[in-house]
mmCIF file of all heavy atoms, coordinates in Angstrom:
data_MODEL
# 
_entry.id   MODEL 
# 
loop_
_atom_site.group_PDB 
_atom_site.id 
_atom_site.type_symbol 
_atom_site.label_atom_id 
_atom_site.label_alt_id 
_atom_site.label_comp_id 
_atom_site.label_asym_id 
_atom_site.label_entity_id 
_atom_site.label_seq_id 
_atom_site.pdbx_PDB_ins_code 
_atom_site.Cartn_x 
_atom_site.Cartn_y 
_atom_site.Cartn_z 
_atom_site.occupancy 
_atom_site.B_iso_or_equiv 
_atom_site.pdbx_formal_charge 
_atom_site.auth_seq_id 
_atom_site.auth_comp_id 
_atom_site.auth_asym_id 
_atom_site.auth_atom_id 
_atom_site.pdbx_PDB_model_num 
ATOM 1   N N   . ALA A 1 1  ? 120.453 119.992 59.443 1.00 0.00 ? 1  ALA A N   1 
ATOM 2   C CA  . ALA A 1 1  ? 119.800 119.019 60.321 1.00 0.00 ? 1  ALA A CA  1 
ATOM 3   C C   . ALA A 1 1  ? 120.463 117.652 60.240 1.00 0.00 ? 1  ALA A C   1 
ATOM 4   O O   . ALA A 1 1  ? 120.618 116.968 61.269 1.00 0.00 ? 1  ALA A O   1 
ATOM 5   C CB  . ALA A 1 1  ? 118.318 118.915 59.972 1.00 0.00 ? 1  ALA A CB  1 
ATOM 6   N N   . ILE A 1 2  ? 120.868 117.228 59.038 1.00 0.00 ? 2  ILE A N   1 
ATOM 7   C CA  . ILE A 1 2  ? 121.430 115.889 58.895 1.00 0.00 ? 2  ILE A CA  1 
ATOM 8   C C   . ILE A 1 2  ? 122.715 115.741 59.702 1.00 0.00 ? 2  ILE A C   1 
ATOM 9   O O   . ILE A 1 2  ? 122.997 114.671 60.255 1.00 0.00 ? 2  ILE A O   1 
ATOM 10  C CB  . ILE A 1 2  ? 121.670 115.531 57.402 1.00 0.00 ? 2  ILE A CB  1 
ATOM 11  C CG1 . ILE A 1 2  ? 121.975 114.051 57.249 1.00 0.00 ? 2  ILE A CG1 1 
ATOM 12  C CG2 . ILE A 1 2  ? 122.748 116.407 56.795 1.00 0.00 ? 2  ILE A CG2 1 
ATOM 13  C CD1 . ILE A 1 2  ? 120.865 113.124 57.662 1.00 0.00 ? 2  ILE A CD1 1 
ATOM 14  N N   . GLU A 1 3  ? 123.496 116.821 59.826 1.00 0.00 ? 3  GLU A N   1 
ATOM 15  C CA  . GLU A 1 3  ? 124.723 116.746 60.602 1.00 0.00 ? 3  GLU A CA  1 
ATOM 16  C C   . GLU A 1 3  ? 124.416 116.619 62.096 1.00 0.00 ? 3  GLU A C   1 
ATOM 17  O O   . GLU A 1 3  ? 125.069 115.845 62.814 1.00 0.00 ? 3  GLU A O   1 
ATOM 18  C CB  . GLU A 1 3  ? 125.594 117.978 60.341 1.00 0.00 ? 3  GLU A CB  1 
ATOM 19  C CG  . GLU A 1 3  ? 126.147 118.037 58.927 1.00 0.00 ? 3  GLU A CG  1 
ATOM 20  C CD  . GLU A 1 3  ? 127.178 119.137 58.750 1.00 0.00 ? 3  GLU A CD  1 
ATOM 21  O OE1 . GLU A 1 3  ? 127.597 119.740 59.771 1.00 0.00 ? 3  GLU A OE1 1 
ATOM 22  O OE2 . GLU A 1 3  ? 127.576 119.403 57.603 1.00 0.00 ? 3  GLU A OE2 1 
ATOM 23  N N   . LEU A 1 4  ? 123.434 117.361 62.562 1.00 0.00 ? 4  LEU A N   1 
ATOM 24  C CA  . LEU A 1 4  ? 123.055 117.278 63.974 1.00 0.00 ? 4  LEU A CA  1 
ATOM 25  C C   . LEU A 1 4  ? 122.503 115.897 64.305 1.00 0.00 ? 4  LEU A C   1 
ATOM 26  O O   . LEU A 1 4  ? 122.731 115.371 65.396 1.00 0.00 ? 4  LEU A O   1 
ATOM 27  C CB  . LEU A 1 4  ? 122.019 118.348 64.298 1.00 0.00 ? 4  LEU A CB  1 
ATOM 28  C CG  . LEU A 1 4  ? 122.467 119.810 64.139 1.00 0.00 ? 4  LEU A CG  1 
ATOM 29  C CD1 . LEU A 1 4  ? 121.298 120.751 64.395 1.00 0.00 ? 4  LEU A CD1 1 
ATOM 30  C CD2 . LEU A 1 4  ? 123.627 120.133 65.071 1.00 0.00 ? 4  LEU A CD2 1 
ATOM 31  N N   . LEU A 1 5  ? 121.767 115.307 63.377 1.00 0.00 ? 5  LEU A N   1 
ATOM 32  C CA  . LEU A 1 5  ? 121.169 113.996 63.612 1.00 0.00 ? 5  LEU A CA  1 
ATOM 33  C C   . LEU A 1 5  ? 122.209 112.875 63.544 1.00 0.00 ? 5  LEU A C   1 
ATOM 34  O O   . LEU A 1 5  ? 122.266 112.016 64.430 1.00 0.00 ? 5  LEU A O   1 
ATOM 35  C CB  . LEU A 1 5  ? 120.061 113.743 62.584 1.00 0.00 ? 5  LEU A CB  1 
ATOM 36  C CG  . LEU A 1 5  ? 118.788 114.567 62.764 1.00 0.00 ? 5  LEU A CG  1 
ATOM 37  C CD1 . LEU A 1 5  ? 117.934 114.516 61.505 1.00 0.00 ? 5  LEU A CD1 1 
ATOM 38  C CD2 . LEU A 1 5  ? 117.994 114.071 63.961 1.00 0.00 ? 5  LEU A CD2 1 
ATOM 39  N N   . VAL A 1 6  ? 123.017 112.875 62.508 1.00 0.00 ? 6  VAL A N   1 
ATOM 40  C CA  . VAL A 1 6  ? 124.023 111.814 62.359 1.00 0.00 ? 6  VAL A CA  1 
ATOM 41  C C   . VAL A 1 6  ? 125.106 111.962 63.426 1.00 0.00 ? 6  VAL A C   1 
ATOM 42  O O   . VAL A 1 6  ? 125.517 110.990 64.063 1.00 0.00 ? 6  VAL A O   1 
ATOM 43  C CB  . VAL A 1 6  ? 124.629 111.836 60.942 1.00 0.00 ? 6  VAL A CB  1 
ATOM 44  C CG1 . VAL A 1 6  ? 125.794 110.849 60.833 1.00 0.00 ? 6  VAL A CG1 1 
ATOM 45  C CG2 . VAL A 1 6  ? 123.560 111.483 59.913 1.00 0.00 ? 6  VAL A CG2 1 
ATOM 46  N N   . GLY A 1 7  ? 125.602 113.188 63.586 1.00 0.00 ? 7  GLY A N   1 
ATOM 47  C CA  . GLY A 1 7  ? 126.501 113.474 64.698 1.00 0.00 ? 7  GLY A CA  1 
ATOM 48  C C   . GLY A 1 7  ? 127.846 112.792 64.666 1.00 0.00 ? 7  GLY A C   1 
ATOM 49  O O   . GLY A 1 7  ? 128.496 112.650 65.704 1.00 0.00 ? 7  GLY A O   1 
ATOM 50  N N   . ASP A 1 8  ? 128.316 112.401 63.486 1.00 0.00 ? 8  ASP A N   1 
ATOM 51  C CA  . ASP A 1 8  ? 129.552 111.621 63.374 1.00 0.00 ? 8  ASP A CA  1 
ATOM 52  C C   . ASP A 1 8  ? 130.141 111.869 61.991 1.00 0.00 ? 8  ASP A C   1 
ATOM 53  O O   . ASP A 1 8  ? 129.500 111.586 60.976 1.00 0.00 ? 8  ASP A O   1 
ATOM 54  C CB  . ASP A 1 8  ? 129.231 110.141 63.580 1.00 0.00 ? 8  ASP A CB  1 
ATOM 55  C CG  . ASP A 1 8  ? 130.461 109.237 63.524 1.00 0.00 ? 8  ASP A CG  1 
ATOM 56  O OD1 . ASP A 1 8  ? 131.302 109.416 62.631 1.00 0.00 ? 8  ASP A OD1 1 
ATOM 57  O OD2 . ASP A 1 8  ? 130.566 108.322 64.351 1.00 0.00 ? 8  ASP A OD2 1 
ATOM 58  N N   . ARG A 1 9  ? 131.362 112.407 61.925 1.00 0.00 ? 9  ARG A N   1 
ATOM 59  C CA  . ARG A 1 9  ? 131.989 112.744 60.646 1.00 0.00 ? 9  ARG A CA  1 
ATOM 60  C C   . ARG A 1 9  ? 132.157 111.524 59.746 1.00 0.00 ? 9  ARG A C   1 
ATOM 61  O O   . ARG A 1 9  ? 131.985 111.601 58.532 1.00 0.00 ? 9  ARG A O   1 
ATOM 62  C CB  . ARG A 1 9  ? 133.354 113.398 60.905 1.00 0.00 ? 9  ARG A CB  1 
ATOM 63  C CG  . ARG A 1 9  ? 133.286 114.840 61.331 1.00 0.00 ? 9  ARG A CG  1 
ATOM 64  C CD  . ARG A 1 9  ? 132.799 115.732 60.208 1.00 0.00 ? 9  ARG A CD  1 
ATOM 65  N NE  . ARG A 1 9  ? 132.554 117.100 60.643 1.00 0.00 ? 9  ARG A NE  1 
ATOM 66  C CZ  . ARG A 1 9  ? 131.863 117.981 59.952 1.00 0.00 ? 9  ARG A CZ  1 
ATOM 67  N NH1 . ARG A 1 9  ? 131.318 117.616 58.794 1.00 0.00 ? 9  ARG A NH1 1 
ATOM 68  N NH2 . ARG A 1 9  ? 131.675 119.198 60.395 1.00 0.00 ? 9  ARG A NH2 1 
ATOM 69  N N   . PHE A 1 10 ? 132.514 110.385 60.325 1.00 0.00 ? 10 PHE A N   1 
ATOM 70  C CA  . PHE A 1 10 ? 132.747 109.179 59.526 1.00 0.00 ? 10 PHE A CA  1 
ATOM 71  C C   . PHE A 1 10 ? 131.457 108.726 58.843 1.00 0.00 ? 10 PHE A C   1 
ATOM 72  O O   . PHE A 1 10 ? 131.451 108.365 57.659 1.00 0.00 ? 10 PHE A O   1 
ATOM 73  C CB  . PHE A 1 10 ? 133.304 108.068 60.415 1.00 0.00 ? 10 PHE A CB  1 
ATOM 74  C CG  . PHE A 1 10 ? 133.936 106.933 59.665 1.00 0.00 ? 10 PHE A CG  1 
ATOM 75  C CD1 . PHE A 1 10 ? 135.182 107.075 59.077 1.00 0.00 ? 10 PHE A CD1 1 
ATOM 76  C CD2 . PHE A 1 10 ? 133.282 105.713 59.540 1.00 0.00 ? 10 PHE A CD2 1 
ATOM 77  C CE1 . PHE A 1 10 ? 135.773 106.026 58.384 1.00 0.00 ? 10 PHE A CE1 1 
ATOM 78  C CE2 . PHE A 1 10 ? 133.856 104.655 58.851 1.00 0.00 ? 10 PHE A CE2 1 
ATOM 79  C CZ  . PHE A 1 10 ? 135.110 104.816 58.266 1.00 0.00 ? 10 PHE A CZ  1 
ATOM 80  N N   . LEU A 1 11 ? 130.344 108.767 59.574 1.00 0.00 ? 11 LEU A N   1 
ATOM 81  C CA  . LEU A 1 11 ? 129.059 108.378 58.993 1.00 0.00 ? 11 LEU A CA  1 
ATOM 82  C C   . LEU A 1 11 ? 128.581 109.401 57.963 1.00 0.00 ? 11 LEU A C   1 
ATOM 83  O O   . LEU A 1 11 ? 127.962 109.039 56.954 1.00 0.00 ? 11 LEU A O   1 
ATOM 84  C CB  . LEU A 1 11 ? 128.008 108.212 60.093 1.00 0.00 ? 11 LEU A CB  1 
ATOM 85  C CG  . LEU A 1 11 ? 128.279 107.118 61.121 1.00 0.00 ? 11 LEU A CG  1 
ATOM 86  C CD1 . LEU A 1 11 ? 127.135 107.048 62.138 1.00 0.00 ? 11 LEU A CD1 1 
ATOM 87  C CD2 . LEU A 1 11 ? 128.474 105.757 60.452 1.00 0.00 ? 11 LEU A CD2 1 
ATOM 88  N N   . LEU A 1 12 ? 128.883 110.667 58.185 1.00 0.00 ? 12 LEU A N   1 
ATOM 89  C CA  . LEU A 1 12 ? 128.530 111.695 57.203 1.00 0.00 ? 12 LEU A CA  1 
ATOM 90  C C   . LEU A 1 12 ? 129.315 111.493 55.906 1.00 0.00 ? 12 LEU A C   1 
ATOM 91  O O   . LEU A 1 12 ? 128.795 111.713 54.807 1.00 0.00 ? 12 LEU A O   1 
ATOM 92  C CB  . LEU A 1 12 ? 128.788 113.085 57.775 1.00 0.00 ? 12 LEU A CB  1 
ATOM 93  C CG  . LEU A 1 12 ? 127.806 113.534 58.868 1.00 0.00 ? 12 LEU A CG  1 
ATOM 94  C CD1 . LEU A 1 12 ? 128.318 114.794 59.576 1.00 0.00 ? 12 LEU A CD1 1 
ATOM 95  C CD2 . LEU A 1 12 ? 126.424 113.784 58.286 1.00 0.00 ? 12 LEU A CD2 1 
ATOM 96  N N   . GLU A 1 13 ? 130.564 111.049 56.040 1.00 0.00 ? 13 GLU A N   1 
ATOM 97  C CA  . GLU A 1 13 ? 131.360 110.743 54.846 1.00 0.00 ? 13 GLU A CA  1 
ATOM 98  C C   . GLU A 1 13 ? 130.727 109.595 54.061 1.00 0.00 ? 13 GLU A C   1 
ATOM 99  O O   . GLU A 1 13 ? 130.717 109.598 52.824 1.00 0.00 ? 13 GLU A O   1 
ATOM 100 C CB  . GLU A 1 13 ? 132.788 110.396 55.242 1.00 0.00 ? 13 GLU A CB  1 
ATOM 101 C CG  . GLU A 1 13 ? 133.591 111.587 55.749 1.00 0.00 ? 13 GLU A CG  1 
ATOM 102 C CD  . GLU A 1 13 ? 134.945 111.178 56.317 1.00 0.00 ? 13 GLU A CD  1 
ATOM 103 O OE1 . GLU A 1 13 ? 135.237 109.960 56.377 1.00 0.00 ? 13 GLU A OE1 1 
ATOM 104 O OE2 . GLU A 1 13 ? 135.706 112.083 56.698 1.00 0.00 ? 13 GLU A OE2 1 
ATOM 105 N N   . TYR A 1 14 ? 130.194 108.608 54.772 1.00 0.00 ? 14 TYR A N   1 
ATOM 106 C CA  . TYR A 1 14 ? 129.501 107.501 54.097 1.00 0.00 ? 14 TYR A CA  1 
ATOM 107 C C   . TYR A 1 14 ? 128.314 108.021 53.297 1.00 0.00 ? 14 TYR A C   1 
ATOM 108 O O   . TYR A 1 14 ? 128.106 107.634 52.141 1.00 0.00 ? 14 TYR A O   1 
ATOM 109 C CB  . TYR A 1 14 ? 129.045 106.472 55.121 1.00 0.00 ? 14 TYR A CB  1 
ATOM 110 C CG  . TYR A 1 14 ? 128.144 105.395 54.545 1.00 0.00 ? 14 TYR A CG  1 
ATOM 111 C CD1 . TYR A 1 14 ? 128.686 104.330 53.824 1.00 0.00 ? 14 TYR A CD1 1 
ATOM 112 C CD2 . TYR A 1 14 ? 126.763 105.451 54.701 1.00 0.00 ? 14 TYR A CD2 1 
ATOM 113 C CE1 . TYR A 1 14 ? 127.871 103.349 53.280 1.00 0.00 ? 14 TYR A CE1 1 
ATOM 114 C CE2 . TYR A 1 14 ? 125.940 104.476 54.174 1.00 0.00 ? 14 TYR A CE2 1 
ATOM 115 C CZ  . TYR A 1 14 ? 126.492 103.431 53.457 1.00 0.00 ? 14 TYR A CZ  1 
ATOM 116 O OH  . TYR A 1 14 ? 125.674 102.459 52.909 1.00 0.00 ? 14 TYR A OH  1 
ATOM 117 N N   . LEU A 1 15 ? 127.539 108.910 53.874 1.00 0.00 ? 15 LEU A N   1 
ATOM 118 C CA  . LEU A 1 15 ? 126.390 109.465 53.158 1.00 0.00 ? 15 LEU A CA  1 
ATOM 119 C C   . LEU A 1 15 ? 126.823 110.203 51.894 1.00 0.00 ? 15 LEU A C   1 
ATOM 120 O O   . LEU A 1 15 ? 126.074 110.265 50.916 1.00 0.00 ? 15 LEU A O   1 
ATOM 121 C CB  . LEU A 1 15 ? 125.611 110.420 54.066 1.00 0.00 ? 15 LEU A CB  1 
ATOM 122 C CG  . LEU A 1 15 ? 124.825 109.791 55.217 1.00 0.00 ? 15 LEU A CG  1 
ATOM 123 C CD1 . LEU A 1 15 ? 124.145 110.880 56.038 1.00 0.00 ? 15 LEU A CD1 1 
ATOM 124 C CD2 . LEU A 1 15 ? 123.777 108.815 54.690 1.00 0.00 ? 15 LEU A CD2 1 
ATOM 125 N N   . ASN A 1 16 ? 128.025 110.748 51.925 1.00 0.00 ? 16 ASN A N   1 
ATOM 126 C CA  . ASN A 1 16 ? 128.535 111.496 50.772 1.00 0.00 ? 16 ASN A CA  1 
ATOM 127 C C   . ASN A 1 16 ? 129.348 110.638 49.810 1.00 0.00 ? 16 ASN A C   1 
ATOM 128 O O   . ASN A 1 16 ? 130.059 111.165 48.957 1.00 0.00 ? 16 ASN A O   1 
ATOM 129 C CB  . ASN A 1 16 ? 129.368 112.685 51.262 1.00 0.00 ? 16 ASN A CB  1 
ATOM 130 C CG  . ASN A 1 16 ? 128.495 113.755 51.892 1.00 0.00 ? 16 ASN A CG  1 
ATOM 131 O OD1 . ASN A 1 16 ? 127.407 114.051 51.410 1.00 0.00 ? 16 ASN A OD1 1 
ATOM 132 N ND2 . ASN A 1 16 ? 128.964 114.334 52.991 1.00 0.00 ? 16 ASN A ND2 1 
ATOM 133 N N   . GLY A 1 17 ? 129.238 109.304 49.952 1.00 0.00 ? 17 GLY A N   1 
ATOM 134 C CA  . GLY A 1 17 ? 129.824 108.423 48.952 1.00 0.00 ? 17 GLY A CA  1 
ATOM 135 C C   . GLY A 1 17 ? 131.130 107.762 49.325 1.00 0.00 ? 17 GLY A C   1 
ATOM 136 O O   . GLY A 1 17 ? 131.667 106.973 48.542 1.00 0.00 ? 17 GLY A O   1 
ATOM 137 N N   . ARG A 1 18 ? 131.661 108.062 50.499 1.00 0.00 ? 18 ARG A N   1 
ATOM 138 C CA  . ARG A 1 18 ? 132.913 107.434 50.918 1.00 0.00 ? 18 ARG A CA  1 
ATOM 139 C C   . ARG A 1 18 ? 132.630 106.220 51.797 1.00 0.00 ? 18 ARG A C   1 
ATOM 140 O O   . ARG A 1 18 ? 131.566 106.096 52.396 1.00 0.00 ? 18 ARG A O   1 
ATOM 141 C CB  . ARG A 1 18 ? 133.771 108.435 51.685 1.00 0.00 ? 18 ARG A CB  1 
ATOM 142 C CG  . ARG A 1 18 ? 134.276 109.608 50.841 1.00 0.00 ? 18 ARG A CG  1 
ATOM 143 C CD  . ARG A 1 18 ? 135.153 110.527 51.665 1.00 0.00 ? 18 ARG A CD  1 
ATOM 144 N NE  . ARG A 1 18 ? 136.323 109.817 52.202 1.00 0.00 ? 18 ARG A NE  1 
ATOM 145 C CZ  . ARG A 1 18 ? 137.182 110.373 53.057 1.00 0.00 ? 18 ARG A CZ  1 
ATOM 146 N NH1 . ARG A 1 18 ? 136.989 111.622 53.474 1.00 0.00 ? 18 ARG A NH1 1 
ATOM 147 N NH2 . ARG A 1 18 ? 138.225 109.684 53.509 1.00 0.00 ? 18 ARG A NH2 1 
ATOM 148 N N   . HIS A 1 19 ? 133.572 105.289 51.851 1.00 0.00 ? 19 HIS A N   1 
ATOM 149 C CA  . HIS A 1 19 ? 133.506 104.099 52.697 1.00 0.00 ? 19 HIS A CA  1 
ATOM 150 C C   . HIS A 1 19 ? 132.474 103.090 52.167 1.00 0.00 ? 19 HIS A C   1 
ATOM 151 O O   . HIS A 1 19 ? 131.439 103.451 51.634 1.00 0.00 ? 19 HIS A O   1 
ATOM 152 C CB  . HIS A 1 19 ? 133.180 104.436 54.159 1.00 0.00 ? 19 HIS A CB  1 
ATOM 153 C CG  . HIS A 1 19 ? 133.973 105.569 54.713 1.00 0.00 ? 19 HIS A CG  1 
ATOM 154 N ND1 . HIS A 1 19 ? 135.346 105.577 54.704 1.00 0.00 ? 19 HIS A ND1 1 
ATOM 155 C CD2 . HIS A 1 19 ? 133.577 106.739 55.296 1.00 0.00 ? 19 HIS A CD2 1 
ATOM 156 C CE1 . HIS A 1 19 ? 135.775 106.705 55.265 1.00 0.00 ? 19 HIS A CE1 1 
ATOM 157 N NE2 . HIS A 1 19 ? 134.731 107.421 55.619 1.00 0.00 ? 19 HIS A NE2 1 
ATOM 158 N N   . SER A 1 20 ? 132.796 101.829 52.335 1.00 0.00 ? 20 SER A N   1 
ATOM 159 C CA  . SER A 1 20 ? 131.920 100.748 51.881 1.00 0.00 ? 20 SER A CA  1 
ATOM 160 C C   . SER A 1 20 ? 130.909 100.388 52.954 1.00 0.00 ? 20 SER A C   1 
ATOM 161 O O   . SER A 1 20 ? 131.062 100.749 54.126 1.00 0.00 ? 20 SER A O   1 
ATOM 162 C CB  . SER A 1 20 ? 132.760 99.516  51.542 1.00 0.00 ? 20 SER A CB  1 
ATOM 163 O OG  . SER A 1 20 ? 133.347 98.979  52.726 1.00 0.00 ? 20 SER A OG  1 
ATOM 164 N N   . ASP A 1 21 ? 129.884 99.639  52.547 1.00 0.00 ? 21 ASP A N   1 
ATOM 165 C CA  . ASP A 1 21 ? 128.904 99.148  53.511 1.00 0.00 ? 21 ASP A CA  1 
ATOM 166 C C   . ASP A 1 21 ? 129.588 98.306  54.585 1.00 0.00 ? 21 ASP A C   1 
ATOM 167 O O   . ASP A 1 21 ? 129.270 98.420  55.780 1.00 0.00 ? 21 ASP A O   1 
ATOM 168 C CB  . ASP A 1 21 ? 127.842 98.300  52.805 1.00 0.00 ? 21 ASP A CB  1 
ATOM 169 C CG  . ASP A 1 21 ? 126.900 99.130  51.955 1.00 0.00 ? 21 ASP A CG  1 
ATOM 170 O OD1 . ASP A 1 21 ? 127.043 100.373 51.941 1.00 0.00 ? 21 ASP A OD1 1 
ATOM 171 O OD2 . ASP A 1 21 ? 126.024 98.536  51.296 1.00 0.00 ? 21 ASP A OD2 1 
ATOM 172 N N   . THR A 1 22 ? 130.521 97.470  54.164 1.00 0.00 ? 22 THR A N   1 
ATOM 173 C CA  . THR A 1 22 ? 131.224 96.599  55.111 1.00 0.00 ? 22 THR A CA  1 
ATOM 174 C C   . THR A 1 22 ? 131.996 97.412  56.140 1.00 0.00 ? 22 THR A C   1 
ATOM 175 O O   . THR A 1 22 ? 131.972 97.108  57.344 1.00 0.00 ? 22 THR A O   1 
ATOM 176 C CB  . THR A 1 22 ? 132.188 95.662  54.360 1.00 0.00 ? 22 THR A CB  1 
ATOM 177 O OG1 . THR A 1 22 ? 131.443 94.855  53.440 1.00 0.00 ? 22 THR A OG1 1 
ATOM 178 C CG2 . THR A 1 22 ? 132.939 94.771  55.327 1.00 0.00 ? 22 THR A CG2 1 
ATOM 179 N N   . THR A 1 23 ? 132.683 98.451  55.665 1.00 0.00 ? 23 THR A N   1 
ATOM 180 C CA  . THR A 1 23 ? 133.447 99.307  56.576 1.00 0.00 ? 23 THR A CA  1 
ATOM 181 C C   . THR A 1 23 ? 132.532 99.963  57.608 1.00 0.00 ? 23 THR A C   1 
ATOM 182 O O   . THR A 1 23 ? 132.858 100.026 58.802 1.00 0.00 ? 23 THR A O   1 
ATOM 183 C CB  . THR A 1 23 ? 134.200 100.387 55.785 1.00 0.00 ? 23 THR A CB  1 
ATOM 184 O OG1 . THR A 1 23 ? 135.123 99.764  54.897 1.00 0.00 ? 23 THR A OG1 1 
ATOM 185 C CG2 . THR A 1 23 ? 134.945 101.335 56.715 1.00 0.00 ? 23 THR A CG2 1 
ATOM 186 N N   . ILE A 1 24 ? 131.376 100.435 57.139 1.00 0.00 ? 24 ILE A N   1 
ATOM 187 C CA  . ILE A 1 24 ? 130.441 101.098 58.045 1.00 0.00 ? 24 ILE A CA  1 
ATOM 188 C C   . ILE A 1 24 ? 129.868 100.114 59.059 1.00 0.00 ? 24 ILE A C   1 
ATOM 189 O O   . ILE A 1 24 ? 129.744 100.420 60.254 1.00 0.00 ? 24 ILE A O   1 
ATOM 190 C CB  . ILE A 1 24 ? 129.311 101.784 57.254 1.00 0.00 ? 24 ILE A CB  1 
ATOM 191 C CG1 . ILE A 1 24 ? 129.858 102.999 56.514 1.00 0.00 ? 24 ILE A CG1 1 
ATOM 192 C CG2 . ILE A 1 24 ? 128.159 102.184 58.161 1.00 0.00 ? 24 ILE A CG2 1 
ATOM 193 C CD1 . ILE A 1 24 ? 130.426 104.082 57.439 1.00 0.00 ? 24 ILE A CD1 1 
# 
């Protein structure tokens, strides 16, 4: 469900610990 809701690989990577708050 979380993938269908977020719908964006880059944002899913953020949820999994990648990318900074500023980058997002």
